[in-house]
Protein backbone atom coordinates (compact mmCIF):
# COMPACT_ATOMS: atom_id res chain seq x y z
CA MET A 1 -0.34 -0.45 0.03
CA SER A 2 1.13 3.68 -0.96
CA GLU A 3 2.02 6.12 2.26
CA ILE A 4 -0.75 9.02 2.53
CA THR A 5 -0.12 12.06 1.40
CA TYR A 6 -1.93 15.46 2.54
CA THR A 7 -2.36 19.41 1.12
CA MET A 8 -2.99 21.95 3.38
CA VAL A 9 -5.96 23.50 2.63
CA GLY A 10 -6.63 27.04 4.93
CA ASP A 11 -6.04 25.03 8.23
CA TYR A 12 -6.73 21.55 7.45
CA ASN A 13 -4.56 19.17 5.69
CA LEU A 14 -6.72 16.85 3.79
CA PRO A 15 -5.54 13.49 2.40
CA ASN A 16 -4.80 13.62 -1.90
CA LEU A 17 -7.47 10.44 -2.40
CA LYS A 18 -7.65 9.48 -5.77
CA LEU A 19 -10.51 6.61 -6.96
CA PRO A 20 -9.37 3.64 -8.15
CA GLU A 21 -9.37 2.99 -12.46
CA GLN A 22 -12.07 1.91 -14.01
CA THR A 23 -13.36 0.36 -17.19
CA GLU A 24 -14.39 3.10 -20.04
CA VAL A 25 -18.27 1.56 -20.87
CA THR A 26 -20.36 3.17 -23.27
CA LEU A 27 -23.66 3.52 -21.27
CA GLY A 28 -27.16 2.40 -22.29
CA ARG A 29 -30.94 3.44 -21.38
CA TRP A 30 -30.57 0.82 -18.76
CA SER A 31 -27.55 1.74 -17.60
CA GLN A 32 -28.32 5.06 -16.72
CA MET A 33 -31.48 4.30 -15.47
CA ARG A 34 -29.60 1.88 -12.91
CA ARG A 35 -27.22 4.61 -11.82
CA THR A 36 -29.43 7.61 -11.65
CA TYR A 37 -31.97 4.65 -9.26
CA LEU A 38 -28.57 3.78 -7.33
CA LYS A 39 -28.07 7.26 -6.88
CA GLU A 40 -31.06 8.58 -5.43
CA HIS A 41 -32.28 5.32 -3.84
CA HIS A 42 -29.42 3.65 -2.73
CA LYS A 43 -26.82 6.15 -2.08
CA ILE A 44 -24.20 3.57 0.38
CA LEU A 45 -24.42 0.98 -2.85
CA TYR A 46 -24.05 3.74 -5.17
CA TYR A 47 -20.40 5.10 -2.87
CA ASN A 48 -18.85 1.49 -2.43
CA LEU A 49 -19.50 0.52 -6.49
CA LEU A 50 -18.02 3.61 -7.46
CA THR A 51 -14.76 3.44 -4.28
CA LYS A 52 -14.55 0.08 -5.39
CA GLY A 53 -13.81 0.70 -9.12
CA ILE A 54 -16.32 -1.72 -10.34
CA LEU A 55 -19.80 0.79 -11.27
CA ASN A 56 -18.93 0.58 -14.49
CA SER A 57 -18.84 -2.87 -15.13
CA HIS A 58 -21.77 -3.73 -12.92
CA LEU A 59 -23.96 -0.68 -14.80
CA ALA A 60 -22.26 -2.80 -18.25
CA GLU A 61 -23.81 -6.23 -16.64
CA VAL A 62 -27.34 -4.36 -15.76
CA GLN A 63 -27.54 -3.09 -19.36
CA GLN A 64 -26.30 -6.03 -20.62
CA ARG A 65 -29.06 -8.48 -18.39
CA ALA A 66 -31.99 -5.78 -19.10
CA SER A 67 -31.18 -6.00 -22.80
CA GLU A 68 -31.29 -9.38 -23.54
CA LEU A 69 -34.77 -9.96 -21.34
CA GLU A 70 -36.24 -7.25 -22.75
CA GLU A 71 -35.49 -8.49 -26.60
CA THR A 72 -36.90 -11.64 -24.72
CA LEU A 73 -39.62 -11.03 -23.07
CA VAL A 74 -41.21 -8.83 -26.16
CA LYS A 75 -40.55 -11.48 -28.89
CA GLN A 76 -42.00 -14.12 -26.92
CA MET A 77 -44.99 -12.00 -26.14
CA ALA A 78 -45.14 -11.19 -29.88
CA GLU A 79 -46.07 -14.80 -31.13
CA LYS A 80 -48.26 -15.12 -27.65
CA ALA A 81 -50.20 -12.41 -29.26
CA GLY A 82 -49.98 -14.00 -32.88
CA LEU A 83 -48.05 -11.04 -34.27
CA THR A 84 -46.58 -11.71 -37.53
CA GLU A 85 -45.14 -10.13 -40.71
CA GLN A 86 -48.61 -11.19 -42.41
CA MET A 87 -50.07 -8.99 -39.96
CA LYS A 88 -47.46 -6.01 -40.43
CA ALA A 89 -48.21 -6.38 -44.25
CA GLY A 90 -51.94 -6.76 -43.84
CA ASP A 91 -52.15 -3.85 -41.09
CA MET A 92 -49.25 -1.59 -39.82
CA MET A 93 -51.41 0.25 -38.17
CA LYS A 94 -52.76 -1.78 -35.84
CA TRP A 95 -49.71 -4.07 -36.02
CA VAL A 96 -47.97 -1.18 -34.72
CA CYS A 97 -49.96 -0.30 -32.10
CA LEU A 98 -49.66 -3.80 -30.61
CA MET A 99 -46.22 -4.14 -31.33
CA ASN A 100 -45.76 -0.53 -29.10
CA ASN A 101 -48.18 -1.79 -26.15
CA ILE A 102 -45.72 -5.55 -25.84
CA ARG A 103 -42.66 -3.14 -26.02
CA ASN A 104 -44.05 -0.67 -22.60
CA SER A 105 -44.75 -3.57 -21.38
CA ALA A 106 -41.84 -6.05 -22.25
CA GLN A 107 -39.74 -2.68 -20.66
CA GLU A 108 -41.82 -2.60 -17.63
CA ILE A 109 -40.99 -5.68 -17.19
CA VAL A 110 -37.47 -5.20 -17.10
CA LYS A 111 -37.88 -1.81 -15.16
CA ASN A 112 -38.87 -4.47 -12.07
CA GLN A 113 -36.99 -6.70 -12.53
CA VAL A 114 -33.63 -5.32 -13.39
CA ILE A 115 -33.33 -1.97 -12.65
CA PHE A 116 -34.64 -1.18 -9.82
CA ALA A 117 -34.63 -4.59 -8.08
């Protein structure tokens, strides 16, 4: 372990602290949502992950899990609702409305199971 150095600020000696290096990740929709949720509702967990240097890897894992779950749910729900390419070609507006409903339902499930868990 390296020696701790201090900087004099006014009448106080403050430690020169540096966070550990974290891998660069591109935050998607789900990981940004998770980061905001942790920051606002679970501050201790957020700062523990941040100071350990594993926040970005946690967010990347959440992004991957949430995206895969959303994709799987949309496929399953579309099959169950009977959405086909024939319906898409025949009645585009009906297909779009049903698909939007399915996508919104899947996103709510992802939020409850992955993001806010």
